[in-house]
Amino acid sequence: MAKTETLEEFYQHKFNWLPDNVKADIGHFNVFSMGENYLANPITFKYSRRDFYKIALIRGKNIYHYADKSLELNGTALIFFNPKVPYTWEAACSEVGGYFCIFKEAFFQEALRGSLAELPMFTLGGKPAYILTSEQDAQVSQIFGKMLDEIGSEYQFKYDLLRNYVTELIHCALKMEPIESLYQHPNANTRITAIFTELLERQFPIETPMQRFALRSANDFAQELSVHVNHLNRAIRETTGKTTTAHIAERITTEAKALLRHTSWNISEISYSLGFEEPSHFNNFFKKQTSQTPSAFRIV
C-alpha cells in the first residue's frame, strides 16, 4: 500500500542505518552527495509522499514523476519536493550525480518568515524544477559543498549556518525561471492512470487477516495523487473506458474470490481485510458483483 515514507524508512532503505538523533530531533537536517556510495546499489524508488522536505541538485538525464505530471530533465536541475506531493524519479542514463538535502519543517520554524509551503517552489500545483546554467551549477554545487563540510564539523552553531545555506538555495531558485515544459508519459491521462493502477495493485495481495485494503474510493486515490477527484475520474475513463470505481470494485472482487477459495479465514476476517466495516456490507457488495453470496461462492 502506498504510504508516506518517514525519515526512519528513508535512512533504512537507502543506507541501511539510522542517525542516532533521527527520532528525537524533530528539526532533523542532513545532506548527501550522489556519488559512488549512493549509486552503488541501485534501488527501486517508490512513488509516495515523504514526511520531510527535500532539495536536490541532479545531473544527467532523468524523469521525475511529481503528482500526476512528469518532468523530463537533461542536464543539471535544482528540484524542490514537499511532503504533501507524492513523487519518484527514474534515471534515463547511467551517469547520474549531484547532491540533495533533507529536512523537517521544524528545522526552519523559528528562522523563516512565513511557512515553507507558501514559497513558490513548495506550493501545491507549483513548479518545483529549475534548469541550471554551468555558472548556476557551480554556484549551487558550492552551496551543497559548504553543507557537506559543515554537517561533519564540530562548530557549535553549524545548524544556523546550514539554515542559511538552505535559504540561499531557495533564493537562488527564486531568481530563476522554473521549467515550463512537462513531459507527458505519453500524455497526462495515461500517466495518471498508470500511477492509479500502481497504487491499486500495491495494496495486494492481502496476506494476513490484519492487513487492510485502505484506498477504497476514487476520492482516496485522488488525495494520494494530490489531484481533484473529477480530474482522476476523467483521466481513468478516457484512458480505459471504465470508471475509477469500477476498477476498484473489480480488483476487490478478484481478491475476495482468491481469499474465499484459498484461505480458511472466516467471512468477517475477509470482510475486514478488504476494508468493509460490516460483513453485511461485504456480502451485499460481493453478491452485486458476482450474483452469489461469499458463502455460496466458497462451497462451489
Protein backbone atom coordinates (compact mmCIF):
# COMPACT_ATOMS: atom_id res chain seq x y z
CA MET A 1 0.00 0.00 0.00
CA ALA A 2 1.25 3.46 -0.84
CA LYS A 3 2.03 5.34 2.35
CA THR A 4 4.07 8.30 3.46
CA GLU A 5 7.76 7.44 3.76
CA THR A 6 9.21 8.52 7.12
CA LEU A 7 12.72 9.73 7.78
CA GLU A 8 13.49 6.44 9.50
CA GLU A 9 12.35 4.45 6.45
CA PHE A 10 14.33 6.73 4.15
CA TYR A 11 17.58 6.02 6.04
CA GLN A 12 16.89 2.29 6.34
CA HIS A 13 16.14 1.57 2.69
CA LYS A 14 18.74 3.92 1.19
CA PHE A 15 21.64 3.47 3.60
CA ASN A 16 20.64 0.65 5.99
CA TRP A 17 21.44 2.77 9.04
CA LEU A 18 19.83 5.38 11.27
CA PRO A 19 21.44 8.52 12.69
CA ASP A 20 21.44 8.45 16.48
CA ASN A 21 19.23 11.51 16.80
CA VAL A 22 16.75 10.98 13.95
CA LYS A 23 13.80 10.13 16.20
CA ALA A 24 14.50 12.73 18.84
CA ASP A 25 15.36 15.61 16.54
CA ILE A 26 12.11 16.92 15.02
CA GLY A 27 14.10 19.58 13.19
CA HIS A 28 16.30 17.00 11.52
CA PHE A 29 18.62 18.07 8.67
CA ASN A 30 21.10 16.10 6.57
CA VAL A 31 22.89 16.45 3.25
CA PHE A 32 24.30 13.87 0.82
CA SER A 33 26.40 13.62 -2.30
CA MET A 34 25.02 11.35 -5.02
CA GLY A 35 28.41 9.76 -5.53
CA GLU A 36 29.58 6.18 -5.65
CA ASN A 37 28.17 5.18 -2.27
CA TYR A 38 24.71 6.44 -3.16
CA LEU A 39 24.56 4.85 -6.62
CA ALA A 40 26.50 1.64 -5.96
CA ASN A 41 23.33 -0.27 -5.06
CA PRO A 42 20.52 0.89 -7.34
CA ILE A 43 17.12 0.65 -5.73
CA THR A 44 13.52 0.96 -6.85
CA PHE A 45 12.18 4.36 -5.90
CA LYS A 46 8.65 4.28 -4.55
CA TYR A 47 6.01 6.68 -5.78
CA SER A 48 4.88 8.12 -2.46
CA ARG A 49 4.84 11.09 -0.18
CA ARG A 50 7.62 11.66 2.35
CA ASP A 51 7.26 13.26 5.76
CA PHE A 52 10.17 15.60 5.10
CA TYR A 53 11.27 18.27 2.61
CA LYS A 54 13.96 17.60 0.03
CA ILE A 55 16.06 19.80 -2.27
CA ALA A 56 18.13 18.07 -4.96
CA LEU A 57 20.76 19.16 -7.45
CA ILE A 58 20.87 16.40 -10.03
CA ARG A 59 22.89 15.99 -13.22
CA GLY A 60 22.25 13.71 -16.18
CA LYS A 61 19.10 12.55 -17.94
CA ASN A 62 16.26 11.78 -15.53
CA ILE A 63 12.49 11.68 -15.36
CA TYR A 64 10.81 12.93 -12.19
CA HIS A 65 7.21 11.82 -11.63
CA TYR A 66 5.64 14.53 -9.49
CA ALA A 67 1.94 14.33 -8.54
CA ASP A 68 0.18 13.47 -11.85
CA LYS A 69 2.89 15.03 -14.05
CA SER A 70 6.34 14.04 -15.21
CA LEU A 71 9.39 16.25 -15.66
CA GLU A 72 11.95 15.13 -18.23
CA LEU A 73 15.32 16.63 -17.31
CA ASN A 74 18.50 16.51 -19.35
CA GLY A 75 21.39 18.44 -17.86
CA THR A 76 21.56 19.95 -14.38
CA ALA A 77 18.44 20.81 -12.42
CA LEU A 78 17.57 22.08 -8.96
CA ILE A 79 14.37 20.43 -7.72
CA PHE A 80 12.25 21.07 -4.63
CA PHE A 81 9.96 18.46 -3.06
CA ASN A 82 7.39 18.99 -0.33
CA PRO A 83 5.77 16.39 1.95
CA LYS A 84 2.27 16.84 0.52
CA VAL A 85 3.07 15.75 -3.04
CA PRO A 86 3.94 12.14 -3.95
CA TYR A 87 6.94 11.70 -6.23
CA THR A 88 9.59 9.35 -7.54
CA TRP A 89 12.31 9.51 -10.17
CA GLU A 90 13.95 7.24 -12.70
CA ALA A 91 17.40 7.62 -14.21
CA ALA A 92 17.37 7.63 -18.01
CA CYS A 93 21.16 7.28 -18.24
CA SER A 94 23.96 5.55 -16.34
CA GLU A 95 25.75 8.73 -15.32
CA VAL A 96 23.76 10.49 -12.62
CA GLY A 97 25.28 12.72 -9.97
CA GLY A 98 24.64 15.68 -7.72
CA TYR A 99 23.59 16.42 -4.16
CA PHE A 100 20.47 16.53 -2.02
CA CYS A 101 19.48 17.66 1.43
CA ILE A 102 16.50 16.62 3.56
CA PHE A 103 14.90 18.40 6.49
CA LYS A 104 11.76 18.74 8.57
CA GLU A 105 9.78 21.97 8.59
CA ALA A 106 10.66 22.35 12.27
CA PHE A 107 14.24 22.96 11.14
CA PHE A 108 13.02 26.37 9.93
CA GLN A 109 10.16 27.11 12.30
CA GLU A 110 11.92 29.95 14.10
CA ALA A 111 14.23 31.18 11.36
CA LEU A 112 11.94 31.52 8.32
CA ARG A 113 9.33 34.21 7.84
CA GLY A 114 6.02 32.56 6.99
CA SER A 115 5.72 28.91 6.02
CA LEU A 116 7.81 26.81 3.67
CA ALA A 117 4.57 25.73 1.98
CA GLU A 118 3.97 29.35 0.93
CA LEU A 119 7.14 29.51 -1.15
CA PRO A 120 6.50 29.18 -4.94
CA MET A 121 8.59 26.03 -5.34
CA PHE A 122 6.81 24.24 -2.48
CA THR A 123 3.20 25.24 -3.14
CA LEU A 124 0.73 22.60 -4.31
CA GLY A 125 0.44 22.94 -8.07
CA GLY A 126 3.65 24.96 -8.18
CA LYS A 127 6.67 24.44 -10.43
CA PRO A 128 9.38 22.63 -8.49
CA ALA A 129 12.18 22.27 -11.08
CA TYR A 130 14.79 24.76 -12.31
CA ILE A 131 17.30 24.09 -15.10
CA LEU A 132 20.77 25.45 -14.26
CA THR A 133 23.39 27.01 -16.48
CA SER A 134 27.00 25.96 -15.93
CA GLU A 135 27.54 29.09 -13.81
CA GLN A 136 24.45 28.38 -11.71
CA ASP A 137 25.51 24.74 -11.37
CA ALA A 138 28.85 25.88 -9.96
CA GLN A 139 27.16 28.29 -7.56
CA VAL A 140 24.64 25.76 -6.25
CA SER A 141 27.26 23.00 -6.07
CA GLN A 142 29.38 25.29 -3.92
CA ILE A 143 26.48 25.75 -1.51
CA PHE A 144 25.98 22.00 -1.22
CA GLY A 145 29.74 21.59 -0.73
CA LYS A 146 29.59 24.00 2.19
CA MET A 147 26.72 21.99 3.66
CA LEU A 148 28.71 18.77 3.44
CA ASP A 149 31.69 20.41 5.14
CA GLU A 150 29.56 21.93 7.87
CA ILE A 151 27.41 18.89 8.69
CA GLY A 152 30.55 16.98 9.72
CA SER A 153 32.05 19.82 11.73
CA GLU A 154 32.06 20.35 15.48
CA TYR A 155 31.07 24.01 15.18
CA GLN A 156 28.57 24.87 17.91
CA PHE A 157 26.29 26.89 15.63
CA LYS A 158 26.57 24.80 12.48
CA TYR A 159 22.81 24.35 12.11
CA ASP A 160 22.39 28.13 11.94
CA LEU A 161 24.83 28.11 9.04
CA LEU A 162 23.05 25.17 7.40
CA ARG A 163 19.73 27.02 7.60
CA ASN A 164 21.38 29.95 5.88
CA TYR A 165 22.71 27.68 3.12
CA VAL A 166 19.23 26.20 2.50
CA THR A 167 17.77 29.72 2.44
CA GLU A 168 20.43 30.63 -0.11
CA LEU A 169 19.35 27.69 -2.30
CA ILE A 170 15.77 28.91 -2.12
CA HIS A 171 16.74 32.43 -3.12
CA CYS A 172 18.90 31.12 -5.98
CA ALA A 173 15.79 29.38 -7.33
CA LEU A 174 13.51 32.37 -6.78
CA LYS A 175 15.78 34.37 -9.10
CA MET A 176 15.40 31.74 -11.86
CA GLU A 177 12.55 30.75 -14.13
CA PRO A 178 11.10 27.29 -13.36
CA ILE A 179 10.78 24.66 -16.06
CA GLU A 180 7.57 25.20 -18.00
CA SER A 181 7.70 22.15 -20.26
CA LEU A 182 6.21 18.99 -18.81
CA TYR A 183 6.99 15.57 -20.24
CA GLN A 184 3.74 13.64 -20.61
CA HIS A 185 4.08 9.88 -20.26
CA PRO A 186 2.92 9.66 -23.13
CA ASN A 187 0.10 12.00 -22.05
CA ALA A 188 -1.27 13.22 -18.76
CA ASN A 189 -4.25 10.85 -18.71
CA THR A 190 -2.09 7.81 -19.45
CA ARG A 191 0.37 8.82 -16.75
CA ILE A 192 -2.24 9.33 -14.04
CA THR A 193 -3.90 6.03 -14.99
CA ALA A 194 -0.56 4.23 -14.68
CA ILE A 195 0.01 5.74 -11.24
CA PHE A 196 -3.53 4.86 -10.13
CA THR A 197 -3.05 1.26 -11.28
CA GLU A 198 0.27 1.02 -9.45
CA LEU A 199 -1.23 2.34 -6.21
CA LEU A 200 -4.18 -0.04 -6.52
CA GLU A 201 -2.05 -3.12 -7.18
CA ARG A 202 0.46 -2.23 -4.46
CA GLN A 203 -2.22 -2.99 -1.86
CA PHE A 204 -2.37 -6.65 -2.89
CA PRO A 205 -2.14 -9.49 -2.22
CA ILE A 206 -3.82 -9.49 1.18
CA GLU A 207 -1.62 -11.91 3.15
CA THR A 208 -2.98 -11.77 6.72
CA PRO A 209 -6.41 -11.03 8.21
CA MET A 210 -4.89 -7.97 9.93
CA GLN A 211 -3.75 -6.42 6.64
CA ARG A 212 -6.33 -3.96 5.36
CA PHE A 213 -7.17 -2.56 1.96
CA ALA A 214 -7.32 1.17 2.69
CA LEU A 215 -7.65 3.06 -0.60
CA ARG A 216 -11.23 2.07 -1.40
CA SER A 217 -12.70 5.06 -3.24
CA ALA A 218 -11.85 7.39 -6.08
CA ASN A 219 -11.51 10.19 -3.54
CA ASP A 220 -8.94 8.15 -1.54
CA PHE A 221 -6.78 7.78 -4.65
CA ALA A 222 -7.22 11.43 -5.64
CA GLN A 223 -5.93 12.51 -2.23
CA GLU A 224 -2.91 10.22 -2.60
CA LEU A 225 -2.17 11.74 -6.01
CA SER A 226 -2.86 15.33 -4.89
CA VAL A 227 -5.34 15.85 -7.74
CA HIS A 228 -9.05 16.64 -7.84
CA VAL A 229 -11.25 13.55 -7.89
CA ASN A 230 -13.00 14.76 -11.06
CA HIS A 231 -9.63 15.01 -12.82
CA LEU A 232 -8.77 11.47 -11.75
CA ASN A 233 -12.15 10.06 -12.84
CA ARG A 234 -11.95 11.79 -16.22
CA ALA A 235 -8.40 10.54 -16.85
CA ILE A 236 -9.24 6.93 -15.91
CA ARG A 237 -12.41 6.87 -18.04
CA GLU A 238 -10.76 8.43 -21.09
CA THR A 239 -7.82 6.02 -20.89
CA THR A 240 -9.61 2.76 -20.05
CA GLY A 241 -13.28 3.31 -20.85
CA LYS A 242 -14.22 2.36 -17.28
CA THR A 243 -14.78 4.39 -14.15
CA THR A 244 -12.34 4.56 -11.25
CA THR A 245 -14.96 2.93 -9.03
CA ALA A 246 -15.36 0.04 -11.48
CA HIS A 247 -11.60 -0.64 -11.46
CA ILE A 248 -11.51 -0.66 -7.66
CA ALA A 249 -14.57 -2.90 -7.41
CA GLU A 250 -13.18 -5.39 -9.93
CA ARG A 251 -9.87 -5.64 -8.06
CA ILE A 252 -11.59 -6.10 -4.69
CA THR A 253 -13.78 -8.81 -6.20
CA THR A 254 -10.77 -10.65 -7.64
CA GLU A 255 -9.03 -10.58 -4.27
CA ALA A 256 -12.19 -11.61 -2.44
CA LYS A 257 -12.53 -14.68 -4.67
CA ALA A 258 -8.90 -15.65 -4.02
CA LEU A 259 -9.32 -15.28 -0.25
CA LEU A 260 -12.57 -17.25 -0.23
CA ARG A 261 -11.08 -20.09 -2.28
CA HIS A 262 -7.54 -20.27 -0.92
CA THR A 263 -7.72 -19.34 2.77
CA SER A 264 -9.55 -20.63 5.81
CA TRP A 265 -10.39 -17.12 7.02
CA ASN A 266 -13.97 -16.58 8.03
CA ILE A 267 -16.20 -14.13 6.18
CA SER A 268 -15.78 -11.47 8.85
CA GLU A 269 -11.98 -11.60 8.57
CA ILE A 270 -12.11 -11.36 4.78
CA SER A 271 -14.61 -8.54 5.02
CA TYR A 272 -12.37 -6.58 7.39
CA SER A 273 -9.20 -7.14 5.32
CA LEU A 274 -10.95 -5.79 2.22
CA GLY A 275 -11.94 -2.60 4.01
CA PHE A 276 -15.61 -3.25 4.76
CA GLU A 277 -16.91 -2.01 8.11
CA GLU A 278 -19.51 -4.78 8.41
CA PRO A 279 -19.69 -8.31 6.95
CA SER A 280 -23.18 -7.49 5.66
CA HIS A 281 -21.68 -4.70 3.51
CA PHE A 282 -19.20 -7.18 2.05
CA ASN A 283 -21.99 -9.70 1.40
CA ASN A 284 -24.04 -7.09 -0.47
CA PHE A 285 -21.01 -5.94 -2.48
CA PHE A 286 -19.94 -9.45 -3.44
CA LYS A 287 -23.46 -10.51 -4.44
CA LYS A 288 -23.82 -7.40 -6.60
CA GLN A 289 -20.54 -8.19 -8.37
CA THR A 290 -20.94 -11.96 -8.78
CA SER A 291 -24.63 -12.75 -8.23
CA GLN A 292 -23.53 -15.07 -5.39
CA THR A 293 -23.03 -14.63 -1.68
CA PRO A 294 -19.49 -15.16 -0.36
CA SER A 295 -20.59 -18.33 1.43
CA ALA A 296 -22.21 -19.77 -1.70
CA PHE A 297 -19.12 -18.96 -3.80
CA ARG A 298 -16.85 -20.66 -1.25
CA ILE A 299 -18.66 -24.00 -1.28
CA VAL A 300 -18.98 -24.31 -5.07
